[in-house]
PDB file of N, CA and C in Angstrom:
ATOM      1  N   UNK A   1     -25.299  17.010  18.964  1.00  0.00           N
ATOM      2  CA  UNK A   1     -24.210  15.804  18.688  1.00  0.00           C
ATOM      3  C   UNK A   1     -22.535  15.963  18.654  1.00  0.00           C
ATOM      4  N   UNK A   2     -21.829  15.162  19.662  1.00  0.00           N
ATOM      5  CA  UNK A   2     -20.575  15.403  20.055  1.00  0.00           C
ATOM      6  C   UNK A   2     -20.071  15.331  18.626  1.00  0.00           C
ATOM      7  N   UNK A   3     -18.419  15.986  18.377  1.00  0.00           N
ATOM      8  CA  UNK A   3     -17.773  15.691  17.728  1.00  0.00           C
ATOM      9  C   UNK A   3     -17.215  14.396  17.499  1.00  0.00           C
ATOM     10  N   UNK A   4     -16.465  13.902  16.269  1.00  0.00           N
ATOM     11  CA  UNK A   4     -16.005  12.493  16.410  1.00  0.00           C
ATOM     12  C   UNK A   4     -14.574  12.703  17.433  1.00  0.00           C
ATOM     13  N   UNK A   5     -13.808  13.848  17.136  1.00  0.00           N
ATOM     14  CA  UNK A   5     -13.010  13.976  18.143  1.00  0.00           C
ATOM     15  C   UNK A   5     -13.372  13.635  19.267  1.00  0.00           C
ATOM     16  N   UNK A   6     -14.229  14.262  20.005  1.00  0.00           N
ATOM     17  CA  UNK A   6     -14.731  14.115  21.596  1.00  0.00           C
ATOM     18  C   UNK A   6     -14.963  12.747  21.522  1.00  0.00           C
ATOM     19  N   UNK A   7     -15.701  12.022  20.852  1.00  0.00           N
ATOM     20  CA  UNK A   7     -16.299  10.466  20.856  1.00  0.00           C
ATOM     21  C   UNK A   7     -15.167   9.641  20.936  1.00  0.00           C
ATOM     22  N   UNK A   8     -13.673   9.697  20.647  1.00  0.00           N
ATOM     23  CA  UNK A   8     -12.794   9.313  20.565  1.00  0.00           C
ATOM     24  C   UNK A   8     -11.873   9.602  22.096  1.00  0.00           C
ATOM     25  N   UNK A   9     -12.241  10.799  22.600  1.00  0.00           N
ATOM     26  CA  UNK A   9     -11.594  11.110  23.877  1.00  0.00           C
ATOM     27  C   UNK A   9     -12.351  10.223  25.243  1.00  0.00           C
ATOM     28  N   UNK A  10     -13.782  10.290  24.642  1.00  0.00           N
ATOM     29  CA  UNK A  10     -14.597   9.739  25.875  1.00  0.00           C
ATOM     30  C   UNK A  10     -14.676   8.383  25.607  1.00  0.00           C
ATOM     31  N   UNK A  11     -14.064   7.382  24.736  1.00  0.00           N
ATOM     32  CA  UNK A  11     -14.203   6.165  24.814  1.00  0.00           C
ATOM     33  C   UNK A  11     -13.598   5.516  26.077  1.00  0.00           C
ATOM     34  N   UNK A  12     -12.448   5.917  26.538  1.00  0.00           N
ATOM     35  CA  UNK A  12     -11.519   5.084  27.649  1.00  0.00           C
ATOM     36  C   UNK A  12     -12.643   5.090  28.888  1.00  0.00           C
ATOM     37  N   UNK A  13     -13.816   6.284  29.162  1.00  0.00           N
ATOM     38  CA  UNK A  13     -14.355   6.121  29.853  1.00  0.00           C
ATOM     39  C   UNK A  13     -15.553   5.490  30.071  1.00  0.00           C
ATOM     40  N   UNK A  14     -15.994   4.947  28.720  1.00  0.00           N
ATOM     41  CA  UNK A  14     -17.055   3.865  28.063  1.00  0.00           C
ATOM     42  C   UNK A  14     -16.520   2.498  28.317  1.00  0.00           C
ATOM     43  N   UNK A  15     -15.456   2.234  28.770  1.00  0.00           N
ATOM     44  CA  UNK A  15     -14.354   0.989  28.112  1.00  0.00           C
ATOM     45  C   UNK A  15     -14.959   0.308  29.431  1.00  0.00           C
ATOM     46  N   UNK A  16     -15.226  -1.187  29.332  1.00  0.00           N
ATOM     47  CA  UNK A  16     -15.780  -2.258  30.224  1.00  0.00           C
ATOM     48  C   UNK A  16     -14.469  -2.943  30.139  1.00  0.00           C
ATOM     49  N   UNK A  17     -13.534  -2.808  31.128  1.00  0.00           N
ATOM     50  CA  UNK A  17     -12.614  -3.832  31.127  1.00  0.00           C
ATOM     51  C   UNK A  17     -12.842  -5.293  31.281  1.00  0.00           C
ATOM     52  N   UNK A  18     -14.138  -5.650  32.483  1.00  0.00           N
ATOM     53  CA  UNK A  18     -14.443  -6.952  32.152  1.00  0.00           C
ATOM     54  C   UNK A  18     -14.842  -7.744  31.146  1.00  0.00           C
ATOM     55  N   UNK A  19     -15.244  -6.987  30.265  1.00  0.00           N
ATOM     56  CA  UNK A  19     -15.737  -7.335  28.923  1.00  0.00           C
ATOM     57  C   UNK A  19     -14.336  -8.017  28.313  1.00  0.00           C
ATOM     58  N   UNK A  20     -13.347  -7.162  28.452  1.00  0.00           N
ATOM     59  CA  UNK A  20     -12.462  -7.051  27.666  1.00  0.00           C
ATOM     60  C   UNK A  20     -11.334  -8.814  27.720  1.00  0.00           C
ATOM     61  N   UNK A  21     -12.168  -8.935  29.164  1.00  0.00           N
ATOM     62  CA  UNK A  21     -10.810  -9.951  29.334  1.00  0.00           C
ATOM     63  C   UNK A  21      -9.284  -9.821  28.974  1.00  0.00           C
ATOM     64  N   UNK A  22      -8.717 -10.851  28.409  1.00  0.00           N
ATOM     65  CA  UNK A  22      -7.575 -10.881  27.813  1.00  0.00           C
ATOM     66  C   UNK A  22      -7.354 -10.504  26.571  1.00  0.00           C
ATOM     67  N   UNK A  23      -8.280  -9.800  26.212  1.00  0.00           N
ATOM     68  CA  UNK A  23      -8.109  -9.003  24.700  1.00  0.00           C
ATOM     69  C   UNK A  23      -6.667  -8.295  24.680  1.00  0.00           C
ATOM     70  N   UNK A  24      -6.269  -8.238  23.604  1.00  0.00           N
ATOM     71  CA  UNK A  24      -4.752  -7.268  23.519  1.00  0.00           C
ATOM     72  C   UNK A  24      -4.855  -7.448  21.938  1.00  0.00           C
ATOM     73  N   UNK A  25      -5.397  -5.723  21.673  1.00  0.00           N
ATOM     74  CA  UNK A  25      -5.704  -5.472  19.991  1.00  0.00           C
ATOM     75  C   UNK A  25      -5.463  -4.111  19.830  1.00  0.00           C
ATOM     76  N   UNK A  26      -5.213  -3.679  18.397  1.00  0.00           N
ATOM     77  CA  UNK A  26      -5.404  -2.416  18.074  1.00  0.00           C
ATOM     78  C   UNK A  26      -6.109  -1.914  16.890  1.00  0.00           C
ATOM     79  N   UNK A  27      -7.137  -1.611  17.106  1.00  0.00           N
ATOM     80  CA  UNK A  27      -7.852  -1.235  16.280  1.00  0.00           C
ATOM     81  C   UNK A  27      -7.783   0.287  15.508  1.00  0.00           C
ATOM     82  N   UNK A  28      -7.535   0.408  14.321  1.00  0.00           N
ATOM     83  CA  UNK A  28      -7.160   1.648  13.733  1.00  0.00           C
ATOM     84  C   UNK A  28      -8.872   2.245  13.040  1.00  0.00           C
ATOM     85  N   UNK A  29      -9.061   3.334  13.376  1.00  0.00           N
ATOM     86  CA  UNK A  29     -10.297   4.009  12.522  1.00  0.00           C
ATOM     87  C   UNK A  29      -9.914   5.193  11.862  1.00  0.00           C
ATOM     88  N   UNK A  30     -10.022   4.933  10.344  1.00  0.00           N
ATOM     89  CA  UNK A  30     -10.266   6.169   9.067  1.00  0.00           C
ATOM     90  C   UNK A  30     -11.210   6.407   8.955  1.00  0.00           C
ATOM     91  N   UNK A  31     -11.617   7.885   9.060  1.00  0.00           N
ATOM     92  CA  UNK A  31     -12.934   8.053   9.024  1.00  0.00           C
ATOM     93  C   UNK A  31     -12.739   9.119   8.035  1.00  0.00           C
ATOM     94  N   UNK A  32     -13.416   9.360   7.220  1.00  0.00           N
ATOM     95  CA  UNK A  32     -13.647  10.326   5.815  1.00  0.00           C
ATOM     96  C   UNK A  32     -14.762  11.001   5.971  1.00  0.00           C
ATOM     97  N   UNK A  33     -14.453  12.270   5.482  1.00  0.00           N
ATOM     98  CA  UNK A  33     -15.576  13.403   5.379  1.00  0.00           C
ATOM     99  C   UNK A  33     -15.175  14.257   6.624  1.00  0.00           C
ATOM    100  N   UNK A  34     -16.266  15.460   6.625  1.00  0.00           N
ATOM    101  CA  UNK A  34     -16.052  16.458   7.521  1.00  0.00           C
ATOM    102  C   UNK A  34     -16.014  15.970   8.934  1.00  0.00           C
ATOM    103  N   UNK A  35     -15.044  16.086   9.705  1.00  0.00           N
ATOM    104  CA  UNK A  35     -14.934  15.756  11.248  1.00  0.00           C
ATOM    105  C   UNK A  35     -14.257  14.581  11.152  1.00  0.00           C
ATOM    106  N   UNK A  36     -13.694  13.897  10.017  1.00  0.00           N
ATOM    107  CA  UNK A  36     -13.177  12.909  10.285  1.00  0.00           C
ATOM    108  C   UNK A  36     -11.508  12.647  10.380  1.00  0.00           C
ATOM    109  N   UNK A  37     -10.863  11.605  10.418  1.00  0.00           N
ATOM    110  CA  UNK A  37      -9.099  11.781  10.540  1.00  0.00           C
ATOM    111  C   UNK A  37      -9.344  10.212  11.199  1.00  0.00           C
ATOM    112  N   UNK A  38      -7.996  10.179  11.434  1.00  0.00           N
ATOM    113  CA  UNK A  38      -7.278   8.648  11.807  1.00  0.00           C
ATOM    114  C   UNK A  38      -7.155   9.018  13.221  1.00  0.00           C
ATOM    115  N   UNK A  39      -7.551   7.710  14.243  1.00  0.00           N
ATOM    116  CA  UNK A  39      -7.494   7.048  15.353  1.00  0.00           C
ATOM    117  C   UNK A  39      -6.876   5.961  15.597  1.00  0.00           C
ATOM    118  N   UNK A  40      -6.721   5.446  16.575  1.00  0.00           N
ATOM    119  CA  UNK A  40      -6.661   3.887  16.919  1.00  0.00           C
ATOM    120  C   UNK A  40      -6.597   3.672  18.508  1.00  0.00           C
ATOM    121  N   UNK A  41      -7.278   2.673  18.543  1.00  0.00           N
ATOM    122  CA  UNK A  41      -7.424   2.151  19.775  1.00  0.00           C
ATOM    123  C   UNK A  41      -6.548   0.926  20.449  1.00  0.00           C
ATOM    124  N   UNK A  42      -6.034   0.911  21.236  1.00  0.00           N
ATOM    125  CA  UNK A  42      -5.374   0.142  22.080  1.00  0.00           C
ATOM    126  C   UNK A  42      -5.829  -0.671  23.125  1.00  0.00           C
ATOM    127  N   UNK A  43      -6.543  -1.807  23.226  1.00  0.00           N
ATOM    128  CA  UNK A  43      -6.910  -2.803  24.344  1.00  0.00           C
ATOM    129  C   UNK A  43      -6.117  -3.720  24.661  1.00  0.00           C
ATOM    130  N   UNK A  44      -5.535  -3.577  25.907  1.00  0.00           N
ATOM    131  CA  UNK A  44      -4.686  -4.648  26.319  1.00  0.00           C
ATOM    132  C   UNK A  44      -4.454  -4.702  28.037  1.00  0.00           C
ATOM    133  N   UNK A  45      -4.402  -5.512  28.660  1.00  0.00           N
ATOM    134  CA  UNK A  45      -4.225  -5.824  30.115  1.00  0.00           C
ATOM    135  C   UNK A  45      -5.466  -4.978  30.383  1.00  0.00           C
ATOM    136  N   UNK A  46      -6.756  -5.217  29.898  1.00  0.00           N
ATOM    137  CA  UNK A  46      -7.306  -4.386  30.933  1.00  0.00           C
ATOM    138  C   UNK A  46      -7.936  -2.866  30.597  1.00  0.00           C
ATOM    139  N   UNK A  47      -7.000  -2.362  29.889  1.00  0.00           N
ATOM    140  CA  UNK A  47      -6.857  -0.955  29.762  1.00  0.00           C
ATOM    141  C   UNK A  47      -7.433  -0.337  28.341  1.00  0.00           C
ATOM    142  N   UNK A  48      -7.873   0.821  28.144  1.00  0.00           N
ATOM    143  CA  UNK A  48      -7.865   1.219  27.083  1.00  0.00           C
ATOM    144  C   UNK A  48      -7.461   2.420  26.585  1.00  0.00           C
ATOM    145  N   UNK A  49      -6.530   2.793  25.638  1.00  0.00           N
ATOM    146  CA  UNK A  49      -5.873   3.685  25.254  1.00  0.00           C
ATOM    147  C   UNK A  49      -6.229   4.128  23.810  1.00  0.00           C
ATOM    148  N   UNK A  50      -6.345   5.447  23.758  1.00  0.00           N
ATOM    149  CA  UNK A  50      -6.838   6.017  22.299  1.00  0.00           C
ATOM    150  C   UNK A  50      -5.689   7.215  21.930  1.00  0.00           C
ATOM    151  N   UNK A  51      -5.489   7.093  20.801  1.00  0.00           N
ATOM    152  CA  UNK A  51      -4.456   7.942  20.442  1.00  0.00           C
ATOM    153  C   UNK A  51      -4.835   8.377  18.732  1.00  0.00           C
ATOM    154  N   UNK A  52      -4.678   9.539  18.728  1.00  0.00           N
ATOM    155  CA  UNK A  52      -4.759  10.196  17.075  1.00  0.00           C
ATOM    156  C   UNK A  52      -3.723   9.587  16.280  1.00  0.00           C
ATOM    157  N   UNK A  53      -4.114   9.445  14.915  1.00  0.00           N
ATOM    158  CA  UNK A  53      -2.978   9.002  14.027  1.00  0.00           C
ATOM    159  C   UNK A  53      -3.088   7.715  13.911  1.00  0.00           C
ATOM    160  N   UNK A  54      -2.290   6.980  13.129  1.00  0.00           N
ATOM    161  CA  UNK A  54      -2.330   5.873  12.550  1.00  0.00           C
ATOM    162  C   UNK A  54      -1.180   4.768  13.222  1.00  0.00           C
ATOM    163  N   UNK A  55      -1.744   3.826  13.636  1.00  0.00           N
ATOM    164  CA  UNK A  55      -0.725   2.597  14.056  1.00  0.00           C
ATOM    165  C   UNK A  55      -0.021   2.091  13.524  1.00  0.00           C
ATOM    166  N   UNK A  56       0.963   1.206  13.620  1.00  0.00           N
ATOM    167  CA  UNK A  56       2.047   0.575  13.152  1.00  0.00           C
ATOM    168  C   UNK A  56       1.500  -0.271  12.340  1.00  0.00           C
ATOM    169  N   UNK A  57       0.703  -1.274  13.249  1.00  0.00           N
ATOM    170  CA  UNK A  57       0.380  -2.799  12.816  1.00  0.00           C
ATOM    171  C   UNK A  57      -0.898  -2.929  13.210  1.00  0.00           C
ATOM    172  N   UNK A  58      -2.012  -2.531  13.288  1.00  0.00           N
ATOM    173  CA  UNK A  58      -3.285  -2.827  13.867  1.00  0.00           C
ATOM    174  C   UNK A  58      -3.663  -4.481  13.666  1.00  0.00           C
ATOM    175  N   UNK A  59      -4.299  -4.576  14.381  1.00  0.00           N
ATOM    176  CA  UNK A  59      -5.287  -5.881  14.304  1.00  0.00           C
ATOM    177  C   UNK A  59      -6.220  -6.073  13.335  1.00  0.00           C
ATOM    178  N   UNK A  60      -6.747  -4.414  13.229  1.00  0.00           N
ATOM    179  CA  UNK A  60      -8.178  -4.310  12.416  1.00  0.00           C
ATOM    180  C   UNK A  60      -7.854  -3.077  12.016  1.00  0.00           C
ATOM    181  N   UNK A  61      -8.555  -2.737  10.941  1.00  0.00           N
ATOM    182  CA  UNK A  61      -9.018  -1.209  10.416  1.00  0.00           C
ATOM    183  C   UNK A  61     -10.177  -1.105  10.305  1.00  0.00           C
ATOM    184  N   UNK A  62     -11.039  -0.205  10.584  1.00  0.00           N
ATOM    185  CA  UNK A  62     -12.415  -0.054  10.296  1.00  0.00           C
ATOM    186  C   UNK A  62     -12.343   1.232   9.494  1.00  0.00           C
ATOM    187  N   UNK A  63     -12.782   1.526   8.185  1.00  0.00           N
ATOM    188  CA  UNK A  63     -13.008   2.722   7.554  1.00  0.00           C
ATOM    189  C   UNK A  63     -14.539   2.976   7.284  1.00  0.00           C
ATOM    190  N   UNK A  64     -14.746   3.985   7.650  1.00  0.00           N
ATOM    191  CA  UNK A  64     -16.384   4.546   6.950  1.00  0.00           C
ATOM    192  C   UNK A  64     -16.426   6.244   7.354  1.00  0.00           C
ATOM    193  N   UNK A  65     -17.142   6.882   7.188  1.00  0.00           N
ATOM    194  CA  UNK A  65     -17.544   8.172   7.212  1.00  0.00           C
ATOM    195  C   UNK A  65     -17.848   8.663   8.776  1.00  0.00           C
ATOM    196  N   UNK A  66     -17.326  10.157   8.760  1.00  0.00           N
ATOM    197  CA  UNK A  66     -17.262  10.172   9.939  1.00  0.00           C
ATOM    198  C   UNK A  66     -18.864  10.491  10.797  1.00  0.00           C
ATOM    199  N   UNK A  67     -19.567  11.085   9.954  1.00  0.00           N
ATOM    200  CA  UNK A  67     -20.909  10.718  10.512  1.00  0.00           C
ATOM    201  C   UNK A  67     -21.679   9.624  10.572  1.00  0.00           C
ATOM    202  N   UNK A  68     -20.934   8.540   9.760  1.00  0.00           N
ATOM    203  CA  UNK A  68     -21.860   7.189   9.981  1.00  0.00           C
ATOM    204  C   UNK A  68     -21.589   6.741  11.140  1.00  0.00           C
ATOM    205  N   UNK A  69     -20.209   7.068  11.841  1.00  0.00           N
ATOM    206  CA  UNK A  69     -19.290   6.728  12.661  1.00  0.00           C
ATOM    207  C   UNK A  69     -20.339   7.406  13.930  1.00  0.00           C
ATOM    208  N   UNK A  70     -20.510   8.444  13.765  1.00  0.00           N
ATOM    209  CA  UNK A  70     -20.974   9.347  14.831  1.00  0.00           C
ATOM    210  C   UNK A  70     -22.685   9.015  15.245  1.00  0.00           C
ATOM    211  N   UNK A  71     -23.356   8.373  14.184  1.00  0.00           N
ATOM    212  CA  UNK A  71     -24.685   7.646  14.327  1.00  0.00           C
ATOM    213  C   UNK A  71     -24.488   6.436  14.907  1.00  0.00           C
ATOM    214  N   UNK A  72     -23.358   5.800  14.328  1.00  0.00           N
ATOM    215  CA  UNK A  72     -23.118   4.346  14.902  1.00  0.00           C
ATOM    216  C   UNK A  72     -23.083   4.372  16.469  1.00  0.00           C
ATOM    217  N   UNK A  73     -22.194   5.392  16.977  1.00  0.00           N
ATOM    218  CA  UNK A  73     -21.985   5.361  18.067  1.00  0.00           C
ATOM    219  C   UNK A  73     -23.543   5.781  19.215  1.00  0.00           C
ATOM    220  N   UNK A  74     -23.790   7.106  18.357  1.00  0.00           N
ATOM    221  CA  UNK A  74     -25.184   7.324  19.160  1.00  0.00           C
ATOM    222  C   UNK A  74     -26.546   6.298  19.172  1.00  0.00           C
ATOM    223  N   UNK A  75     -26.384   5.214  18.569  1.00  0.00           N
ATOM    224  CA  UNK A  75     -27.022   3.964  18.179  1.00  0.00           C
ATOM    225  C   UNK A  75     -28.220   4.467  17.337  1.00  0.00           C
ATOM    226  N   UNK A  76     -27.922   5.528  16.259  1.00  0.00           N
ATOM    227  CA  UNK A  76     -28.697   5.979  15.261  1.00  0.00           C
ATOM    228  C   UNK A  76     -28.658   4.854  14.056  1.00  0.00           C
ATOM    229  N   UNK A  77     -27.719   4.143  13.835  1.00  0.00           N
ATOM    230  CA  UNK A  77     -27.011   3.244  12.656  1.00  0.00           C
ATOM    231  C   UNK A  77     -26.953   1.930  13.475  1.00  0.00           C
ATOM    232  N   UNK A  78     -27.475   0.824  13.007  1.00  0.00           N
ATOM    233  CA  UNK A  78     -27.081  -0.501  13.512  1.00  0.00           C
ATOM    234  C   UNK A  78     -25.892  -1.008  13.002  1.00  0.00           C
ATOM    235  N   UNK A  79     -24.970  -1.608  13.371  1.00  0.00           N
ATOM    236  CA  UNK A  79     -23.461  -2.034  12.894  1.00  0.00           C
ATOM    237  C   UNK A  79     -23.513  -3.182  11.862  1.00  0.00           C
ATOM    238  N   UNK A  80     -24.569  -4.198  12.055  1.00  0.00           N
ATOM    239  CA  UNK A  80     -24.800  -5.183  11.112  1.00  0.00           C
ATOM    240  C   UNK A  80     -25.187  -4.767   9.925  1.00  0.00           C
ATOM    241  N   UNK A  81     -26.276  -3.922  10.248  1.00  0.00           N
ATOM    242  CA  UNK A  81     -26.594  -3.090   8.754  1.00  0.00           C
ATOM    243  C   UNK A  81     -25.728  -2.147   7.924  1.00  0.00           C
ATOM    244  N   UNK A  82     -25.001  -1.292   8.445  1.00  0.00           N
ATOM    245  CA  UNK A  82     -24.423  -0.686   7.970  1.00  0.00           C
ATOM    246  C   UNK A  82     -22.956  -1.464   7.317  1.00  0.00           C
ATOM    247  N   UNK A  83     -22.409  -2.466   7.879  1.00  0.00           N
ATOM    248  CA  UNK A  83     -21.630  -3.746   7.760  1.00  0.00           C
ATOM    249  C   UNK A  83     -22.174  -4.003   6.042  1.00  0.00           C
ATOM    250  N   UNK A  84     -23.394  -4.592   6.120  1.00  0.00           N
ATOM    251  CA  UNK A  84     -23.759  -4.871   5.009  1.00  0.00           C
ATOM    252  C   UNK A  84     -24.190  -3.938   3.754  1.00  0.00           C
ATOM    253  N   UNK A  85     -24.403  -2.790   4.074  1.00  0.00           N
ATOM    254  CA  UNK A  85     -24.767  -1.773   3.200  1.00  0.00           C
ATOM    255  C   UNK A  85     -23.154  -1.158   2.901  1.00  0.00           C
ATOM    256  N   UNK A  86     -22.085  -1.710   3.170  1.00  0.00           N
ATOM    257  CA  UNK A  86     -20.730  -1.266   2.783  1.00  0.00           C
ATOM    258  C   UNK A  86     -20.694   0.168   3.540  1.00  0.00           C
ATOM    259  N   UNK A  87     -21.144   0.491   4.210  1.00  0.00           N
ATOM    260  CA  UNK A  87     -21.254   1.383   5.129  1.00  0.00           C
ATOM    261  C   UNK A  87     -19.800   1.714   5.484  1.00  0.00           C
ATOM    262  N   UNK A  88     -19.690   0.435   6.260  1.00  0.00           N
ATOM    263  CA  UNK A  88     -18.292  -0.334   7.580  1.00  0.00           C
ATOM    264  C   UNK A  88     -17.474  -1.234   6.279  1.00  0.00           C
ATOM    265  N   UNK A  89     -16.108  -0.688   6.565  1.00  0.00           N
ATOM    266  CA  UNK A  89     -15.433  -1.565   5.903  1.00  0.00           C
ATOM    267  C   UNK A  89     -14.316  -2.023   6.919  1.00  0.00           C
ATOM    268  N   UNK A  90     -14.206  -3.208   6.632  1.00  0.00           N
ATOM    269  CA  UNK A  90     -13.078  -3.794   7.682  1.00  0.00           C
ATOM    270  C   UNK A  90     -11.890  -4.297   7.248  1.00  0.00           C
ATOM    271  N   UNK A  91     -10.769  -4.205   7.473  1.00  0.00           N
ATOM    272  CA  UNK A  91      -9.691  -4.757   7.231  1.00  0.00           C
ATOM    273  C   UNK A  91      -8.692  -5.565   8.088  1.00  0.00           C
ATOM    274  N   UNK A  92      -8.497  -6.911   7.959  1.00  0.00           N
ATOM    275  CA  UNK A  92      -7.635  -7.338   9.389  1.00  0.00           C
ATOM    276  C   UNK A  92      -8.974  -8.608  10.305  1.00  0.00           C
ATOM    277  N   UNK A  93      -8.712  -8.602  11.152  1.00  0.00           N
ATOM    278  CA  UNK A  93      -9.528  -9.448  11.880  1.00  0.00           C
ATOM    279  C   UNK A  93     -10.750  -9.222  12.639  1.00  0.00           C
ATOM    280  N   UNK A  94     -11.923  -9.800  11.813  1.00  0.00           N
ATOM    281  CA  UNK A  94     -13.259  -9.243  11.695  1.00  0.00           C
ATOM    282  C   UNK A  94     -13.755  -9.649  13.308  1.00  0.00           C
ATOM    283  N   UNK A  95     -13.050 -10.866  13.697  1.00  0.00           N
ATOM    284  CA  UNK A  95     -13.374 -11.295  15.189  1.00  0.00           C
ATOM    285  C   UNK A  95     -13.206 -10.311  15.864  1.00  0.00           C
ATOM    286  N   UNK A  96     -11.727  -9.410  16.077  1.00  0.00           N
ATOM    287  CA  UNK A  96     -11.274  -8.390  17.043  1.00  0.00           C
ATOM    288  C   UNK A  96     -12.571  -7.643  16.878  1.00  0.00           C
ATOM    289  N   UNK A  97     -13.019  -6.927  15.823  1.00  0.00           N
ATOM    290  CA  UNK A  97     -13.937  -5.954  15.633  1.00  0.00           C
ATOM    291  C   UNK A  97     -15.323  -5.943  16.437  1.00  0.00           C
ATOM    292  N   UNK A  98     -15.567  -7.346  16.142  1.00  0.00           N
ATOM    293  CA  UNK A  98     -16.903  -8.025  16.558  1.00  0.00           C
ATOM    294  C   UNK A  98     -16.982  -8.268  18.074  1.00  0.00           C
ATOM    295  N   UNK A  99     -15.985  -8.833  18.545  1.00  0.00           N
ATOM    296  CA  UNK A  99     -15.887  -8.196  19.977  1.00  0.00           C
ATOM    297  C   UNK A  99     -15.475  -6.767  20.584  1.00  0.00           C
ATOM    298  N   UNK A 100     -14.671  -6.048  19.483  1.00  0.00           N
ATOM    299  CA  UNK A 100     -14.407  -4.947  20.317  1.00  0.00           C
ATOM    300  C   UNK A 100     -15.897  -3.870  20.501  1.00  0.00           C
ATOM    301  N   UNK A 101     -16.380  -4.164  19.679  1.00  0.00           N
ATOM    302  CA  UNK A 101     -17.944  -3.052  19.664  1.00  0.00           C
ATOM    303  C   UNK A 101     -18.720  -3.289  20.893  1.00  0.00           C
ATOM    304  N   UNK A 102     -18.523  -4.598  21.695  1.00  0.00           N
ATOM    305  CA  UNK A 102     -19.424  -4.913  22.908  1.00  0.00           C
ATOM    306  C   UNK A 102     -18.449  -4.114  24.219  1.00  0.00           C
ATOM    307  N   UNK A 103     -17.118  -3.909  23.855  1.00  0.00           N
ATOM    308  CA  UNK A 103     -16.517  -3.631  25.277  1.00  0.00           C
ATOM    309  C   UNK A 103     -16.785  -2.131  25.709  1.00  0.00           C
ATOM    310  N   UNK A 104     -17.707  -1.272  25.002  1.00  0.00           N
ATOM    311  CA  UNK A 104     -18.056   0.172  25.397  1.00  0.00           C
ATOM    312  C   UNK A 104     -19.730   0.257  25.841  1.00  0.00           C
ATOM    313  N   UNK A 105     -20.033   0.792  26.503  1.00  0.00           N
ATOM    314  CA  UNK A 105     -21.467   1.016  26.574  1.00  0.00           C
ATOM    315  C   UNK A 105     -21.691   1.782  28.094  1.00  0.00           C
TER     316      UNK A 105
END
């Protein structure tokens, strides 16, 4: 399984600009546990940029365990189930997070 850092590096390659439409958002990821850290993803003007660190004023923040994030990206963890089990915590605009998850694949 790829490291969490590598998953973020690969994110722009999996980005589908057509699905993003006119979306303009910054999503912060705060991942705990081994291999965790902070990354933020900016989607604007049909482009996806990923940076390590903390965004100044994200549209939404996703907090979860790094292993759970890797399982989510691999398709081994269902996003809705993880949210209901409180493995994923979202602060900010939940609608942005719901759309965000459809932009990659």
